[in-house]
Amino acid sequence: KNRLAPVFTDYEFEALGAPRNRSLAVNRDQKFFDEG
């Protein structure tokens, strides 16, 4: 409303369930989870 350009984010948080990236070394540990 103040004529600021849109920044294309609401700055909030979301859980989208992205698939596990098995090429990451840290993910070789099956017990490791980056849960944000």
Full PDB file with SEQRES, HELIX, SHEET, SSBOND, CRYST1, ORIGX, SCALE, CONECT and MASTER records, all heavy atoms in Angstrom:
SEQRES   1 A   36  LYS ASN ARG LEU ALA PRO VAL PHE THR ASP TYR GLU PHE          
SEQRES   2 A   36  GLU ALA LEU GLY ALA PRO ARG ASN ARG SER LEU ALA VAL          
SEQRES   3 A   36  ASN ARG ASP GLN LYS PHE PHE ASP GLU GLY                      
HELIX    1 AA1 ALA A   25  ARG A   28  5                                   4    
CRYST1    1.000    1.000    1.000  90.00  90.00  90.00 P 1           1          
ORIGX1      1.000000  0.000000  0.000000        0.00000                         
ORIGX2      0.000000  1.000000  0.000000        0.00000                         
ORIGX3      0.000000  0.000000  1.000000        0.00000                         
SCALE1      1.000000  0.000000  0.000000        0.00000                         
SCALE2      0.000000  1.000000  0.000000        0.00000                         
SCALE3      0.000000  0.000000  1.000000        0.00000                         
ATOM      1  N   LYS A   1       0.818  -1.211   0.000  1.00  0.00           N  
ATOM      2  CA  LYS A   1       0.000   0.000   0.000  1.00  0.00           C  
ATOM      3  C   LYS A   1       0.854   1.264   0.000  1.00  0.00           C  
ATOM      4  O   LYS A   1       0.398   2.320  -0.434  1.00  0.00           O  
ATOM      5  CB  LYS A   1      -0.934  -0.009   1.217  1.00  0.00           C  
ATOM      6  CG  LYS A   1      -1.992  -1.104   1.173  1.00  0.00           C  
ATOM      7  CD  LYS A   1      -2.885  -1.046   2.407  1.00  0.00           C  
ATOM      8  CE  LYS A   1      -3.949  -2.141   2.350  1.00  0.00           C  
ATOM      9  NZ  LYS A   1      -4.822  -2.136   3.558  1.00  0.00           N  
ATOM     10  N   ASN A   2       2.090   1.137   0.489  1.00  0.00           N  
ATOM     11  CA  ASN A   2       3.009   2.270   0.515  1.00  0.00           C  
ATOM     12  C   ASN A   2       3.877   2.352  -0.735  1.00  0.00           C  
ATOM     13  O   ASN A   2       4.864   3.070  -0.750  1.00  0.00           O  
ATOM     14  CB  ASN A   2       3.899   2.193   1.759  1.00  0.00           C  
ATOM     15  CG  ASN A   2       3.105   2.361   3.037  1.00  0.00           C  
ATOM     16  OD1 ASN A   2       2.108   3.080   3.065  1.00  0.00           O  
ATOM     17  ND2 ASN A   2       3.546   1.686   4.089  1.00  0.00           N  
ATOM     18  N   ARG A   3       3.499   1.572  -1.762  1.00  0.00           N  
ATOM     19  CA  ARG A   3       4.206   1.579  -3.034  1.00  0.00           C  
ATOM     20  C   ARG A   3       5.599   0.971  -2.947  1.00  0.00           C  
ATOM     21  O   ARG A   3       6.495   1.294  -3.725  1.00  0.00           O  
ATOM     22  CB  ARG A   3       4.313   3.012  -3.595  1.00  0.00           C  
ATOM     23  CG  ARG A   3       3.002   3.635  -3.987  1.00  0.00           C  
ATOM     24  CD  ARG A   3       2.460   3.063  -5.281  1.00  0.00           C  
ATOM     25  NE  ARG A   3       3.376   3.298  -6.384  1.00  0.00           N  
ATOM     26  CZ  ARG A   3       3.365   2.585  -7.517  1.00  0.00           C  
ATOM     27  NH1 ARG A   3       2.518   1.586  -7.648  1.00  0.00           N  
ATOM     28  NH2 ARG A   3       4.205   2.869  -8.492  1.00  0.00           N  
ATOM     29  N   LEU A   4       5.796   0.092  -1.979  1.00  0.00           N  
ATOM     30  CA  LEU A   4       7.052  -0.637  -1.921  1.00  0.00           C  
ATOM     31  C   LEU A   4       7.004  -1.783  -2.926  1.00  0.00           C  
ATOM     32  O   LEU A   4       5.968  -2.432  -3.099  1.00  0.00           O  
ATOM     33  CB  LEU A   4       7.313  -1.179  -0.524  1.00  0.00           C  
ATOM     34  CG  LEU A   4       7.489  -0.148   0.593  1.00  0.00           C  
ATOM     35  CD1 LEU A   4       7.739  -0.865   1.912  1.00  0.00           C  
ATOM     36  CD2 LEU A   4       8.626   0.804   0.278  1.00  0.00           C  
ATOM     37  N   ALA A   5       8.124  -2.048  -3.567  1.00  0.00           N  
ATOM     38  CA  ALA A   5       8.185  -3.131  -4.534  1.00  0.00           C  
ATOM     39  C   ALA A   5       7.983  -4.472  -3.834  1.00  0.00           C  
ATOM     40  O   ALA A   5       8.446  -4.664  -2.709  1.00  0.00           O  
ATOM     41  CB  ALA A   5       9.525  -3.109  -5.253  1.00  0.00           C  
ATOM     42  N   PRO A   6       7.292  -5.414  -4.467  1.00  0.00           N  
ATOM     43  CA  PRO A   6       7.083  -6.725  -3.837  1.00  0.00           C  
ATOM     44  C   PRO A   6       8.393  -7.481  -3.699  1.00  0.00           C  
ATOM     45  O   PRO A   6       9.248  -7.438  -4.586  1.00  0.00           O  
ATOM     46  CB  PRO A   6       6.132  -7.437  -4.810  1.00  0.00           C  
ATOM     47  CG  PRO A   6       6.369  -6.774  -6.126  1.00  0.00           C  
ATOM     48  CD  PRO A   6       6.678  -5.341  -5.806  1.00  0.00           C  
ATOM     49  N   VAL A   7       8.563  -8.159  -2.582  1.00  0.00           N  
ATOM     50  CA  VAL A   7       9.802  -8.898  -2.324  1.00  0.00           C  
ATOM     51  C   VAL A   7       9.639 -10.397  -2.545  1.00  0.00           C  
ATOM     52  O   VAL A   7      10.582 -11.159  -2.404  1.00  0.00           O  
ATOM     53  CB  VAL A   7      10.313  -8.635  -0.889  1.00  0.00           C  
ATOM     54  CG1 VAL A   7      10.777  -7.194  -0.762  1.00  0.00           C  
ATOM     55  CG2 VAL A   7       9.252  -8.947   0.143  1.00  0.00           C  
ATOM     56  N   PHE A   8       8.432 -10.833  -2.866  1.00  0.00           N  
ATOM     57  CA  PHE A   8       8.157 -12.229  -3.200  1.00  0.00           C  
ATOM     58  C   PHE A   8       8.426 -13.181  -2.039  1.00  0.00           C  
ATOM     59  O   PHE A   8       8.884 -14.305  -2.223  1.00  0.00           O  
ATOM     60  CB  PHE A   8       8.932 -12.648  -4.451  1.00  0.00           C  
ATOM     61  CG  PHE A   8       8.314 -12.113  -5.714  1.00  0.00           C  
ATOM     62  CD1 PHE A   8       8.611 -10.821  -6.151  1.00  0.00           C  
ATOM     63  CD2 PHE A   8       7.409 -12.858  -6.443  1.00  0.00           C  
ATOM     64  CE1 PHE A   8       8.028 -10.295  -7.293  1.00  0.00           C  
ATOM     65  CE2 PHE A   8       6.823 -12.352  -7.592  1.00  0.00           C  
ATOM     66  CZ  PHE A   8       7.123 -11.069  -8.019  1.00  0.00           C  
ATOM     67  N   THR A   9       8.158 -12.720  -0.834  1.00  0.00           N  
ATOM     68  CA  THR A   9       8.135 -13.603   0.336  1.00  0.00           C  
ATOM     69  C   THR A   9       7.262 -12.965   1.397  1.00  0.00           C  
ATOM     70  O   THR A   9       7.136 -11.734   1.451  1.00  0.00           O  
ATOM     71  CB  THR A   9       9.534 -13.849   0.922  1.00  0.00           C  
ATOM     72  OG1 THR A   9       9.420 -14.656   2.107  1.00  0.00           O  
ATOM     73  CG2 THR A   9      10.229 -12.549   1.283  1.00  0.00           C  
ATOM     74  N   ASP A  10       6.638 -13.787   2.220  1.00  0.00           N  
ATOM     75  CA  ASP A  10       5.869 -13.275   3.358  1.00  0.00           C  
ATOM     76  C   ASP A  10       6.686 -13.364   4.644  1.00  0.00           C  
ATOM     77  O   ASP A  10       6.184 -13.071   5.724  1.00  0.00           O  
ATOM     78  CB  ASP A  10       4.552 -14.034   3.512  1.00  0.00           C  
ATOM     79  CG  ASP A  10       4.742 -15.543   3.707  1.00  0.00           C  
ATOM     80  OD1 ASP A  10       5.916 -15.988   3.820  1.00  0.00           O  
ATOM     81  OD2 ASP A  10       3.737 -16.267   3.746  1.00  0.00           O  
ATOM     82  N   TYR A  11       7.945 -13.792   4.529  1.00  0.00           N  
ATOM     83  CA  TYR A  11       8.882 -13.901   5.660  1.00  0.00           C  
ATOM     84  C   TYR A  11       8.414 -14.923   6.703  1.00  0.00           C  
ATOM     85  O   TYR A  11       8.917 -14.938   7.820  1.00  0.00           O  
ATOM     86  CB  TYR A  11       9.088 -12.549   6.341  1.00  0.00           C  
ATOM     87  CG  TYR A  11       9.702 -11.501   5.454  1.00  0.00           C  
ATOM     88  CD1 TYR A  11       8.930 -10.487   4.904  1.00  0.00           C  
ATOM     89  CD2 TYR A  11      11.067 -11.536   5.158  1.00  0.00           C  
ATOM     90  CE1 TYR A  11       9.494  -9.522   4.070  1.00  0.00           C  
ATOM     91  CE2 TYR A  11      11.641 -10.579   4.330  1.00  0.00           C  
ATOM     92  CZ  TYR A  11      10.857  -9.576   3.793  1.00  0.00           C  
ATOM     93  OH  TYR A  11      11.415  -8.620   2.974  1.00  0.00           O  
ATOM     94  N   GLU A  12       7.493 -15.771   6.347  1.00  0.00           N  
ATOM     95  CA  GLU A  12       7.011 -16.777   7.287  1.00  0.00           C  
ATOM     96  C   GLU A  12       7.720 -18.111   7.044  1.00  0.00           C  
ATOM     97  O   GLU A  12       8.648 -18.194   6.240  1.00  0.00           O  
ATOM     98  CB  GLU A  12       5.498 -16.891   7.189  1.00  0.00           C  
ATOM     99  CG  GLU A  12       4.784 -15.607   7.616  1.00  0.00           C  
ATOM    100  CD  GLU A  12       3.278 -15.772   7.713  1.00  0.00           C  
ATOM    101  OE1 GLU A  12       2.787 -16.910   7.561  1.00  0.00           O  
ATOM    102  OE2 GLU A  12       2.593 -14.766   7.945  1.00  0.00           O  
ATOM    103  N   PHE A  13       7.277 -19.136   7.762  1.00  0.00           N  
ATOM    104  CA  PHE A  13       7.917 -20.442   7.696  1.00  0.00           C  
ATOM    105  C   PHE A  13       6.931 -21.486   7.187  1.00  0.00           C  
ATOM    106  O   PHE A  13       5.730 -21.386   7.431  1.00  0.00           O  
ATOM    107  CB  PHE A  13       8.439 -20.856   9.079  1.00  0.00           C  
ATOM    108  CG  PHE A  13       9.601 -20.024   9.552  1.00  0.00           C  
ATOM    109  CD1 PHE A  13       9.406 -18.745  10.042  1.00  0.00           C  
ATOM    110  CD2 PHE A  13      10.890 -20.527   9.493  1.00  0.00           C  
ATOM    111  CE1 PHE A  13      10.472 -17.976  10.474  1.00  0.00           C  
ATOM    112  CE2 PHE A  13      11.974 -19.762   9.927  1.00  0.00           C  
ATOM    113  CZ  PHE A  13      11.755 -18.484  10.413  1.00  0.00           C  
ATOM    114  N   GLU A  14       7.462 -22.480   6.486  1.00  0.00           N  
ATOM    115  CA  GLU A  14       6.607 -23.488   5.871  1.00  0.00           C  
ATOM    116  C   GLU A  14       7.330 -24.830   5.845  1.00  0.00           C  
ATOM    117  O   GLU A  14       8.554 -24.898   5.658  1.00  0.00           O  
ATOM    118  CB  GLU A  14       6.254 -23.059   4.443  1.00  0.00           C  
ATOM    119  CG  GLU A  14       5.300 -23.960   3.718  1.00  0.00           C  
ATOM    120  CD  GLU A  14       3.848 -23.721   4.086  1.00  0.00           C  
ATOM    121  OE1 GLU A  14       3.598 -22.906   4.989  1.00  0.00           O  
ATOM    122  OE2 GLU A  14       2.968 -24.337   3.470  1.00  0.00           O  
ATOM    123  N   ALA A  15       6.569 -25.910   6.039  1.00  0.00           N  
ATOM    124  CA  ALA A  15       7.106 -27.266   5.910  1.00  0.00           C  
ATOM    125  C   ALA A  15       6.608 -27.839   4.591  1.00  0.00           C  
ATOM    126  O   ALA A  15       5.412 -28.072   4.432  1.00  0.00           O  
ATOM    127  CB  ALA A  15       6.659 -28.138   7.082  1.00  0.00           C  
ATOM    128  N   LEU A  16       7.522 -28.042   3.647  1.00  0.00           N  
ATOM    129  CA  LEU A  16       7.133 -28.491   2.308  1.00  0.00           C  
ATOM    130  C   LEU A  16       7.492 -29.944   2.033  1.00  0.00           C  
ATOM    131  O   LEU A  16       7.075 -30.493   1.021  1.00  0.00           O  
ATOM    132  CB  LEU A  16       7.797 -27.596   1.256  1.00  0.00           C  
ATOM    133  CG  LEU A  16       7.347 -26.134   1.295  1.00  0.00           C  
ATOM    134  CD1 LEU A  16       8.160 -25.311   0.304  1.00  0.00           C  
ATOM    135  CD2 LEU A  16       5.865 -26.018   0.983  1.00  0.00           C  
ATOM    136  N   GLY A  17       8.273 -30.554   2.908  1.00  0.00           N  
ATOM    137  CA  GLY A  17       8.573 -31.973   2.732  1.00  0.00           C  
ATOM    138  C   GLY A  17       9.474 -32.269   1.554  1.00  0.00           C  
ATOM    139  O   GLY A  17       9.275 -33.278   0.851  1.00  0.00           O  
ATOM    140  N   ALA A  18      10.472 -31.425   1.316  1.00  0.00           N  
ATOM    141  CA  ALA A  18      11.406 -31.678   0.211  1.00  0.00           C  
ATOM    142  C   ALA A  18      12.047 -33.052   0.364  1.00  0.00           C  
ATOM    143  O   ALA A  18      12.345 -33.482   1.484  1.00  0.00           O  
ATOM    144  CB  ALA A  18      12.488 -30.598   0.184  1.00  0.00           C  
ATOM    145  N   PRO A  19      12.257 -33.771  -0.727  1.00  0.00           N  
ATOM    146  CA  PRO A  19      12.882 -35.096  -0.644  1.00  0.00           C  
ATOM    147  C   PRO A  19      14.289 -35.019  -0.052  1.00  0.00           C  
ATOM    148  O   PRO A  19      14.973 -33.999  -0.173  1.00  0.00           O  
ATOM    149  CB  PRO A  19      12.932 -35.552  -2.107  1.00  0.00           C  
ATOM    150  CG  PRO A  19      11.910 -34.726  -2.813  1.00  0.00           C  
ATOM    151  CD  PRO A  19      11.902 -33.413  -2.113  1.00  0.00           C  
ATOM    152  N   ARG A  20      14.717 -36.074   0.547  1.00  0.00           N  
ATOM    153  CA  ARG A  20      16.063 -36.140   1.140  1.00  0.00           C  
ATOM    154  C   ARG A  20      17.105 -36.109   0.028  1.00  0.00           C  
ATOM    155  O   ARG A  20      16.962 -36.794  -0.993  1.00  0.00           O  
ATOM    156  CB  ARG A  20      16.203 -37.422   1.962  1.00  0.00           C  
ATOM    157  CG  ARG A  20      17.479 -37.490   2.827  1.00  0.00           C  
ATOM    158  CD  ARG A  20      17.375 -38.672   3.766  1.00  0.00           C  
ATOM    159  NE  ARG A  20      18.524 -38.829   4.637  1.00  0.00           N  
ATOM    160  CZ  ARG A  20      18.689 -38.192   5.799  1.00  0.00           C  
ATOM    161  NH1 ARG A  20      17.756 -37.343   6.207  1.00  0.00           N  
ATOM    162  NH2 ARG A  20      19.748 -38.407   6.551  1.00  0.00           N  
ATOM    163  N   ASN A  21      18.132 -35.306   0.222  1.00  0.00           N  
ATOM    164  CA  ASN A  21      19.224 -35.204  -0.745  1.00  0.00           C  
ATOM    165  C   ASN A  21      20.315 -36.188  -0.338  1.00  0.00           C  
ATOM    166  O   ASN A  21      21.131 -35.907   0.544  1.00  0.00           O  
ATOM    167  CB  ASN A  21      19.776 -33.782  -0.783  1.00  0.00           C  
ATOM    168  CG  ASN A  21      20.827 -33.603  -1.866  1.00  0.00           C  
ATOM    169  OD1 ASN A  21      21.266 -34.568  -2.483  1.00  0.00           O  
ATOM    170  ND2 ASN A  21      21.232 -32.368  -2.102  1.00  0.00           N  
ATOM    171  N   ARG A  22      20.338 -37.328  -0.975  1.00  0.00           N  
ATOM    172  CA  ARG A  22      21.271 -38.382  -0.593  1.00  0.00           C  
ATOM    173  C   ARG A  22      22.691 -38.148  -1.084  1.00  0.00           C  
ATOM    174  O   ARG A  22      23.591 -38.936  -0.785  1.00  0.00           O  
ATOM    175  CB  ARG A  22      20.740 -39.731  -1.077  1.00  0.00           C  
ATOM    176  CG  ARG A  22      19.568 -40.199  -0.218  1.00  0.00           C  
ATOM    177  CD  ARG A  22      18.815 -41.384  -0.764  1.00  0.00           C  
ATOM    178  NE  ARG A  22      17.878 -41.889   0.236  1.00  0.00           N  
ATOM    179  CZ  ARG A  22      16.744 -41.284   0.566  1.00  0.00           C  
ATOM    180  NH1 ARG A  22      16.400 -40.152  -0.031  1.00  0.00           N  
ATOM    181  NH2 ARG A  22      15.948 -41.788   1.498  1.00  0.00           N  
ATOM    182  N   SER A  23      22.906 -37.076  -1.835  1.00  0.00           N  
ATOM    183  CA  SER A  23      24.264 -36.749  -2.265  1.00  0.00           C  
ATOM    184  C   SER A  23      25.017 -35.950  -1.199  1.00  0.00           C  
ATOM    185  O   SER A  23      26.231 -35.768  -1.309  1.00  0.00           O  
ATOM    186  CB  SER A  23      24.230 -35.948  -3.569  1.00  0.00           C  
ATOM    187  OG  SER A  23      23.663 -34.668  -3.368  1.00  0.00           O  
ATOM    188  N   LEU A  24      24.326 -35.492  -0.160  1.00  0.00           N  
ATOM    189  CA  LEU A  24      24.975 -34.750   0.915  1.00  0.00           C  
ATOM    190  C   LEU A  24      25.683 -35.723   1.864  1.00  0.00           C  
ATOM    191  O   LEU A  24      25.088 -36.705   2.309  1.00  0.00           O  
ATOM    192  CB  LEU A  24      23.953 -33.930   1.705  1.00  0.00           C  
ATOM    193  CG  LEU A  24      23.240 -32.808   0.954  1.00  0.00           C  
ATOM    194  CD1 LEU A  24      22.253 -32.099   1.887  1.00  0.00           C  
ATOM    195  CD2 LEU A  24      24.232 -31.809   0.381  1.00  0.00           C  
ATOM    196  N   ALA A  25      26.924 -35.411   2.177  1.00  0.00           N  
ATOM    197  CA  ALA A  25      27.700 -36.297   3.049  1.00  0.00           C  
ATOM    198  C   ALA A  25      27.030 -36.465   4.406  1.00  0.00           C  
ATOM    199  O   ALA A  25      27.018 -37.559   4.977  1.00  0.00           O  
ATOM    200  CB  ALA A  25      29.117 -35.744   3.216  1.00  0.00           C  
ATOM    201  N   VAL A  26      26.458 -35.390   4.933  1.00  0.00           N  
ATOM    202  CA  VAL A  26      25.847 -35.455   6.255  1.00  0.00           C  
ATOM    203  C   VAL A  26      24.656 -36.406   6.277  1.00  0.00           C  
ATOM    204  O   VAL A  26      24.325 -36.993   7.315  1.00  0.00           O  
ATOM    205  CB  VAL A  26      25.424 -34.036   6.711  1.00  0.00           C  
ATOM    206  CG1 VAL A  26      24.249 -33.514   5.880  1.00  0.00           C  
ATOM    207  CG2 VAL A  26      25.077 -34.007   8.191  1.00  0.00           C  
ATOM    208  N   ASN A  27      24.021 -36.610   5.122  1.00  0.00           N  
ATOM    209  CA  ASN A  27      22.858 -37.493   5.064  1.00  0.00           C  
ATOM    210  C   ASN A  27      23.217 -38.967   4.945  1.00  0.00           C  
ATOM    211  O   ASN A  27      22.333 -39.827   4.901  1.00  0.00           O  
ATOM    212  CB  ASN A  27      21.946 -37.081   3.899  1.00  0.00           C  
ATOM    213  CG  ASN A  27      21.117 -35.859   4.234  1.00  0.00           C  
ATOM    214  OD1 ASN A  27      20.969 -35.484   5.391  1.00  0.00           O  
ATOM    215  ND2 ASN A  27      20.560 -35.223   3.212  1.00  0.00           N  
ATOM    216  N   ARG A  28      24.516 -39.252   4.911  1.00  0.00           N  
ATOM    217  CA  ARG A  28      24.906 -40.660   4.955  1.00  0.00           C  
ATOM    218  C   ARG A  28      24.571 -41.270   6.308  1.00  0.00           C  
ATOM    219  O   ARG A  28      24.434 -42.482   6.429  1.00  0.00           O  
ATOM    220  CB  ARG A  28      26.404 -40.790   4.665  1.00  0.00           C  
ATOM    221  CG  ARG A  28      26.778 -40.388   3.243  1.00  0.00           C  
ATOM    222  CD  ARG A  28      28.277 -40.320   3.050  1.00  0.00           C  
ATOM    223  NE  ARG A  28      28.625 -39.763   1.741  1.00  0.00           N  
ATOM    224  CZ  ARG A  28      29.820 -39.328   1.407  1.00  0.00           C  
ATOM    225  NH1 ARG A  28      30.824 -39.417   2.293  1.00  0.00           N  
ATOM    226  NH2 ARG A  28      30.046 -38.830   0.213  1.00  0.00           N  
ATOM    227  N   ASP A  29      24.474 -40.389   7.290  1.00  0.00           N  
ATOM    228  CA  ASP A  29      24.001 -40.820   8.605  1.00  0.00           C  
ATOM    229  C   ASP A  29      22.481 -40.853   8.563  1.00  0.00           C  
ATOM    230  O   ASP A  29      21.823 -39.823   8.492  1.00  0.00           O  
ATOM    231  CB  ASP A  29      24.475 -39.829   9.676  1.00  0.00           C  
ATOM    232  CG  ASP A  29      24.007 -40.208  11.076  1.00  0.00           C  
ATOM    233  OD1 ASP A  29      23.272 -41.218  11.222  1.00  0.00           O  
ATOM    234  OD2 ASP A  29      24.350 -39.481  12.028  1.00  0.00           O  
ATOM    235  N   GLN A  30      21.916 -42.044   8.571  1.00  0.00           N  
ATOM    236  CA  GLN A  30      20.479 -42.194   8.422  1.00  0.00           C  
ATOM    237  C   GLN A  30      19.699 -41.619   9.610  1.00  0.00           C  
ATOM    238  O   GLN A  30      18.482 -41.422   9.526  1.00  0.00           O  
ATOM    239  CB  GLN A  30      20.116 -43.673   8.222  1.00  0.00           C  
ATOM    240  CG  GLN A  30      20.678 -44.250   6.932  1.00  0.00           C  
ATOM    241  CD  GLN A  30      20.256 -45.686   6.700  1.00  0.00           C  
ATOM    242  OE1 GLN A  30      19.552 -46.292   7.514  1.00  0.00           O  
ATOM    243  NE2 GLN A  30      20.669 -46.260   5.575  1.00  0.00           N  
ATOM    244  N   LYS A  31      20.406 -41.318  10.683  1.00  0.00           N  
ATOM    245  CA  LYS A  31      19.745 -40.747  11.851  1.00  0.00           C  
ATOM    246  C   LYS A  31      19.798 -39.214  11.853  1.00  0.00           C  
ATOM    247  O   LYS A  31      19.233 -38.586  12.746  1.00  0.00           O  
ATOM    248  CB  LYS A  31      20.380 -41.291  13.132  1.00  0.00           C  
ATOM    249  CG  LYS A  31      20.186 -42.785  13.313  1.00  0.00           C  
ATOM    250  CD  LYS A  31      20.814 -43.262  14.622  1.00  0.00           C  
ATOM    251  CE  LYS A  31      20.609 -44.756  14.815  1.00  0.00           C  
ATOM    252  NZ  LYS A  31      21.222 -45.226  16.094  1.00  0.00           N  
ATOM    253  N   PHE A  32      20.486 -38.645  10.859  1.00  0.00           N  
ATOM    254  CA  PHE A  32      20.588 -37.187  10.795  1.00  0.00           C  
ATOM    255  C   PHE A  32      19.436 -36.605   9.995  1.00  0.00           C  
ATOM    256  O   PHE A  32      19.118 -37.077   8.898  1.00  0.00           O  
ATOM    257  CB  PHE A  32      21.903 -36.760  10.152  1.00  0.00           C  
ATOM    258  CG  PHE A  32      21.988 -35.262   9.944  1.00  0.00           C  
ATOM    259  CD1 PHE A  32      22.383 -34.425  10.977  1.00  0.00           C  
ATOM    260  CD2 PHE A  32      21.626 -34.692   8.723  1.00  0.00           C  
ATOM    261  CE1 PHE A  32      22.435 -33.051  10.798  1.00  0.00           C  
ATOM    262  CE2 PHE A  32      21.673 -33.318   8.535  1.00  0.00           C  
ATOM    263  CZ  PHE A  32      22.078 -32.493   9.577  1.00  0.00           C  
ATOM    264  N   PHE A  33      18.807 -35.576  10.556  1.00  0.00           N  
ATOM    265  CA  PHE A  33      17.750 -34.866   9.851  1.00  0.00           C  
ATOM    266  C   PHE A  33      17.894 -33.372  10.105  1.00  0.00           C  
ATOM    267  O   PHE A  33      17.966 -32.943  11.256  1.00  0.00           O  
ATOM    268  CB  PHE A  33      16.358 -35.319  10.332  1.00  0.00           C  
ATOM    269  CG  PHE A  33      16.018 -36.733   9.949  1.00  0.00           C  
ATOM    270  CD1 PHE A  33      16.321 -37.787  10.796  1.00  0.00           C  
ATOM    271  CD2 PHE A  33      15.413 -37.005   8.732  1.00  0.00           C  
ATOM    272  CE1 PHE A  33      16.022 -39.094  10.451  1.00  0.00           C  
ATOM    273  CE2 PHE A  33      15.112 -38.313   8.365  1.00  0.00           C  
ATOM    274  CZ  PHE A  33      15.407 -39.359   9.222  1.00  0.00           C  
ATOM    275  N   ASP A  34      17.980 -32.617   9.027  1.00  0.00           N  
ATOM    276  CA  ASP A  34      17.960 -31.159   9.141  1.00  0.00           C  
ATOM    277  C   ASP A  34      16.494 -30.752   9.145  1.00  0.00           C  
ATOM    278  O   ASP A  34      15.824 -30.807   8.117  1.00  0.00           O  
ATOM    279  CB  ASP A  34      18.690 -30.521   7.961  1.00  0.00           C  
ATOM    280  CG  ASP A  34      18.697 -28.991   8.040  1.00  0.00           C  
ATOM    281  OD1 ASP A  34      18.023 -28.433   8.923  1.00  0.00           O  
ATOM    282  OD2 ASP A  34      19.365 -28.363   7.200  1.00  0.00           O  
ATOM    283  N   GLU A  35      16.004 -30.346  10.309  1.00  0.00           N  
ATOM    284  CA  GLU A  35      14.584 -30.032  10.432  1.00  0.00           C  
ATOM    285  C   GLU A  35      14.341 -28.539  10.650  1.00  0.00           C  
ATOM    286  O   GLU A  35      13.353 -28.132  11.258  1.00  0.00           O  
ATOM    287  CB  GLU A  35      13.963 -30.871  11.538  1.00  0.00           C  
ATOM    288  CG  GLU A  35      14.030 -32.360  11.211  1.00  0.00           C  
ATOM    289  CD  GLU A  35      13.077 -33.181  12.062  1.00  0.00           C  
ATOM    290  OE1 GLU A  35      13.262 -33.204  13.290  1.00  0.00           O  
ATOM    291  OE2 GLU A  35      12.160 -33.788  11.498  1.00  0.00           O  
ATOM    292  N   GLY A  36      15.273 -27.744  10.128  1.00  0.00           N  
ATOM    293  CA  GLY A  36      15.036 -26.316  10.050  1.00  0.00           C  
ATOM    294  C   GLY A  36      14.905 -25.616  11.380  1.00  0.00           C  
ATOM    295  O   GLY A  36      15.834 -25.584  12.182  1.00  0.00           O  
TER     296      GLY A  36                                                      
MASTER        0    0    0    1    0    0    0    6  295    1    0    3          
END                                                                             
